Amino acid sequence: MSGWCLLSYLNRSGKMKIKEREFETLLQDLKQIATEMGAKVRFERGDFKGGYCILKDDRTIVINKLSTFQRKVIILTNALKELGVNDIYLPPKLREIIEEIADAQ
């Protein structure tokens, strides 16, 4: 998918790429935000990509555990946008990453 090359963000010093090892940390940060927003994040196996849904009144984000960290970050970012992440405070770096990923979709 050509979107992977777009997983960089602009800051004052210029353009920086998200390194592969940073995706795991980013995934954990995004998962924490989802939890704080009242959503459960589940990593499951199956023939699906993942996304946000409501199961018996519970807000749940299901992500295929076999996906790459990059794909997991994209799915979780899109789900957070649906949950209304724009309405809460996020550290500027994290917000920039979320916005760029969402814009790349």
Foldseek 3Di string as FASTA:
>chain_A
DVLQVLQWFADPVGIDHQDLVVLVVLLVVLCVVCVVLQEAEEADADDDAWAWDADPNHTYTYGHNPDRSVSSNLRSLVRCVVSPVVVDDDPPVSVRSSVSSVVSD
